C-alpha cells in the first residue's frame, strides 16, 4: 500500500520539477536552426583499415546560405563547423563570418 502513495507523489514532483528552469538554463537555450553561409566542405566517410579518416573534398563555385539544425553541430572552430550527416557521416563546413559572431548566434536565447 505504501508504494501506491509514493509513486504518484514522485511522478507529480518530477512534473513540477520539469517546469522549473534555473536562469542559467534559460540563458543557455539555443535556437533550433541558424542561417549561415557555407563554402567548401569535407565529407568524412569513416576510417580505413589503417585508422586514417576517409575524406572527400567538395569545392563549390560560390558560397551559399544554409539553414543548419543546431543539434547536428558537433563542434565549431575558427574555420569549420563540424556537423553530423546522413548515414553516419560527418561534414566539415567552411563558413563565412567570425568565430565570435557564430558563437554569439549559437548562444542567443531562442525566446528573444
C-alpha atoms as a PDB file:
ATOM      1  CA  UNK A   1       0.000   0.000   0.000  1.00  0.00           C
ATOM      2  CA  UNK A   2       2.922   2.303   0.735  1.00  0.00           C
ATOM      3  CA  UNK A   3       4.059   2.133  -2.937  1.00  0.00           C
ATOM      4  CA  UNK A   4       0.642   3.249  -4.202  1.00  0.00           C
ATOM      5  CA  UNK A   5       1.137   6.569  -2.401  1.00  0.00           C
ATOM      6  CA  UNK A   6       4.874   7.021  -3.020  1.00  0.00           C
ATOM      7  CA  UNK A   7       4.950   6.522  -6.811  1.00  0.00           C
ATOM      8  CA  UNK A   8       2.233   9.094  -7.643  1.00  0.00           C
ATOM      9  CA  UNK A   9       3.950  11.647  -5.375  1.00  0.00           C
ATOM     10  CA  UNK A  10       7.290  11.110  -7.112  1.00  0.00           C
ATOM     11  CA  UNK A  11       5.569  11.426 -10.504  1.00  0.00           C
ATOM     12  CA  UNK A  12       3.931  14.744  -9.522  1.00  0.00           C
ATOM     13  CA  UNK A  13       7.260  16.011  -8.134  1.00  0.00           C
ATOM     14  CA  UNK A  14       9.013  15.237 -11.445  1.00  0.00           C
ATOM     15  CA  UNK A  15       6.318  17.041 -13.436  1.00  0.00           C
ATOM     16  CA  UNK A  16       6.644  20.136 -11.237  1.00  0.00           C
ATOM     17  CA  UNK A  17      10.446  19.974 -11.376  1.00  0.00           C
ATOM     18  CA  UNK A  18      10.402  19.820 -15.195  1.00  0.00           C
ATOM     19  CA  UNK A  19       8.661  23.199 -15.349  1.00  0.00           C
ATOM     20  CA  UNK A  20      11.212  24.888 -13.068  1.00  0.00           C
ATOM     21  CA  UNK A  21      14.237  26.027 -15.066  1.00  0.00           C
ATOM     22  CA  UNK A  22      17.031  27.954 -13.457  1.00  0.00           C
ATOM     23  CA  UNK A  23      18.005  31.313 -15.021  1.00  0.00           C
ATOM     24  CA  UNK A  24      21.271  29.729 -16.178  1.00  0.00           C
ATOM     25  CA  UNK A  25      19.460  27.023 -18.145  1.00  0.00           C
ATOM     26  CA  UNK A  26      17.073  29.580 -19.633  1.00  0.00           C
ATOM     27  CA  UNK A  27      20.005  31.769 -20.692  1.00  0.00           C
ATOM     28  CA  UNK A  28      21.784  28.858 -22.411  1.00  0.00           C
ATOM     29  CA  UNK A  29      18.770  27.838 -24.543  1.00  0.00           C
ATOM     30  CA  UNK A  30      19.726  27.912 -28.222  1.00  0.00           C
ATOM     31  CA  UNK A  31      17.712  28.290 -31.407  1.00  0.00           C
ATOM     32  CA  UNK A  32      16.734  25.139 -33.322  1.00  0.00           C
ATOM     33  CA  UNK A  33      18.149  26.412 -36.622  1.00  0.00           C
ATOM     34  CA  UNK A  34      20.716  29.014 -37.606  1.00  0.00           C
ATOM     35  CA  UNK A  35      21.339  30.551 -41.013  1.00  0.00           C
ATOM     36  CA  UNK A  36      24.975  30.501 -42.076  1.00  0.00           C
ATOM     37  CA  UNK A  37      26.901  30.972 -45.307  1.00  0.00           C
ATOM     38  CA  UNK A  38      28.922  27.876 -46.160  1.00  0.00           C
ATOM     39  CA  UNK A  39      31.535  27.216 -48.790  1.00  0.00           C
ATOM     40  CA  UNK A  40      33.798  24.278 -49.498  1.00  0.00           C
ATOM     41  CA  UNK A  41      33.441  21.286 -47.227  1.00  0.00           C
ATOM     42  CA  UNK A  42      34.937  17.949 -46.332  1.00  0.00           C
ATOM     43  CA  UNK A  43      32.771  14.843 -46.007  1.00  0.00           C
ATOM     44  CA  UNK A  44      34.095  12.199 -43.626  1.00  0.00           C
ATOM     45  CA  UNK A  45      33.117   8.699 -44.721  1.00  0.00           C
ATOM     46  CA  UNK A  46      34.695   6.973 -41.725  1.00  0.00           C
ATOM     47  CA  UNK A  47      38.095   5.362 -41.338  1.00  0.00           C
ATOM     48  CA  UNK A  48      40.149   2.914 -43.397  1.00  0.00           C
ATOM     49  CA  UNK A  49      41.915  -0.251 -42.199  1.00  0.00           C
ATOM     50  CA  UNK A  50      44.878   1.849 -41.008  1.00  0.00           C
ATOM     51  CA  UNK A  51      42.559   4.108 -38.963  1.00  0.00           C
ATOM     52  CA  UNK A  52      43.025   7.078 -41.303  1.00  0.00           C
ATOM     53  CA  UNK A  53      39.995   9.251 -41.908  1.00  0.00           C
ATOM     54  CA  UNK A  54      38.462   8.902 -45.385  1.00  0.00           C
ATOM     55  CA  UNK A  55      37.735  12.466 -46.511  1.00  0.00           C
ATOM     56  CA  UNK A  56      36.044  13.656 -49.688  1.00  0.00           C
ATOM     57  CA  UNK A  57      36.848  17.285 -50.524  1.00  0.00           C
ATOM     58  CA  UNK A  58      33.963  19.229 -52.093  1.00  0.00           C
ATOM     59  CA  UNK A  59      34.864  22.509 -53.812  1.00  0.00           C
ATOM     60  CA  UNK A  60      31.951  24.818 -54.649  1.00  0.00           C
ATOM     61  CA  UNK A  61      31.824  27.710 -57.128  1.00  0.00           C
ATOM     62  CA  UNK A  62      30.366  30.229 -54.708  1.00  0.00           C
ATOM     63  CA  UNK A  63      29.252  30.400 -51.073  1.00  0.00           C
ATOM     64  CA  UNK A  64      25.613  29.628 -50.318  1.00  0.00           C
ATOM     65  CA  UNK A  65      23.193  30.196 -47.466  1.00  0.00           C
ATOM     66  CA  UNK A  66      22.323  27.160 -45.380  1.00  0.00           C
ATOM     67  CA  UNK A  67      19.746  26.683 -42.663  1.00  0.00           C
ATOM     68  CA  UNK A  68      21.545  24.398 -40.210  1.00  0.00           C
ATOM     69  CA  UNK A  69      19.846  22.451 -37.460  1.00  0.00           C
ATOM     70  CA  UNK A  70      21.743  23.305 -34.271  1.00  0.00           C
ATOM     71  CA  UNK A  71      21.508  19.832 -32.712  1.00  0.00           C
ATOM     72  CA  UNK A  72      23.567  18.451 -35.629  1.00  0.00           C
ATOM     73  CA  UNK A  73      26.562  20.641 -34.722  1.00  0.00           C
ATOM     74  CA  UNK A  74      29.353  18.622 -33.130  1.00  0.00           C
ATOM     75  CA  UNK A  75      31.912  21.422 -32.803  1.00  0.00           C
ATOM     76  CA  UNK A  76      32.908  24.839 -34.106  1.00  0.00           C
ATOM     77  CA  UNK A  77      36.417  26.090 -34.866  1.00  0.00           C
ATOM     78  CA  UNK A  78      37.675  29.301 -36.432  1.00  0.00           C
ATOM     79  CA  UNK A  79      37.420  27.709 -39.887  1.00  0.00           C
ATOM     80  CA  UNK A  80      34.917  24.820 -39.721  1.00  0.00           C
ATOM     81  CA  UNK A  81      31.574  23.774 -38.324  1.00  0.00           C
ATOM     82  CA  UNK A  82      31.598  20.007 -37.830  1.00  0.00           C
ATOM     83  CA  UNK A  83      28.129  18.519 -38.285  1.00  0.00           C
ATOM     84  CA  UNK A  84      26.616  15.068 -38.249  1.00  0.00           C
ATOM     85  CA  UNK A  85      25.243  13.993 -41.618  1.00  0.00           C
ATOM     86  CA  UNK A  86      23.277  11.099 -43.063  1.00  0.00           C
ATOM     87  CA  UNK A  87      24.456   7.502 -42.964  1.00  0.00           C
ATOM     88  CA  UNK A  88      26.900   8.061 -40.098  1.00  0.00           C
ATOM     89  CA  UNK A  89      28.996  10.596 -41.974  1.00  0.00           C
ATOM     90  CA  UNK A  90      30.347  13.921 -40.718  1.00  0.00           C
ATOM     91  CA  UNK A  91      30.793  17.159 -42.670  1.00  0.00           C
ATOM     92  CA  UNK A  92      33.354  19.889 -42.001  1.00  0.00           C
ATOM     93  CA  UNK A  93      31.762  23.064 -43.424  1.00  0.00           C
ATOM     94  CA  UNK A  94      33.880  26.146 -44.147  1.00  0.00           C
ATOM     95  CA  UNK A  95      31.785  29.105 -43.102  1.00  0.00           C
ATOM     96  CA  UNK A  96      31.824  32.858 -43.665  1.00  0.00           C
ATOM     97  CA  UNK A  97      31.996  35.213 -40.716  1.00  0.00           C
ATOM     98  CA  UNK A  98      33.854  35.164 -37.469  1.00  0.00           C
ATOM     99  CA  UNK A  99      34.043  32.508 -34.796  1.00  0.00           C
ATOM    100  CA  UNK A 100      32.883  35.095 -32.234  1.00  0.00           C
ATOM    101  CA  UNK A 101      29.783  36.023 -34.257  1.00  0.00           C
ATOM    102  CA  UNK A 102      28.876  32.357 -34.741  1.00  0.00           C
ATOM    103  CA  UNK A 103      29.374  31.658 -31.045  1.00  0.00           C
ATOM    104  CA  UNK A 104      27.067  34.559 -30.136  1.00  0.00           C
ATOM    105  CA  UNK A 105      24.461  33.315 -32.608  1.00  0.00           C
ATOM    106  CA  UNK A 106      24.523  29.846 -31.060  1.00  0.00           C
ATOM    107  CA  UNK A 107      24.271  31.170 -27.513  1.00  0.00           C
ATOM    108  CA  UNK A 108      21.390  33.549 -28.290  1.00  0.00           C
ATOM    109  CA  UNK A 109      18.244  32.952 -26.263  1.00  0.00           C
ATOM    110  CA  UNK A 110      15.612  31.498 -28.601  1.00  0.00           C
ATOM    111  CA  UNK A 111      12.777  33.336 -26.802  1.00  0.00           C
ATOM    112  CA  UNK A 112      14.006  36.779 -27.958  1.00  0.00           C
END
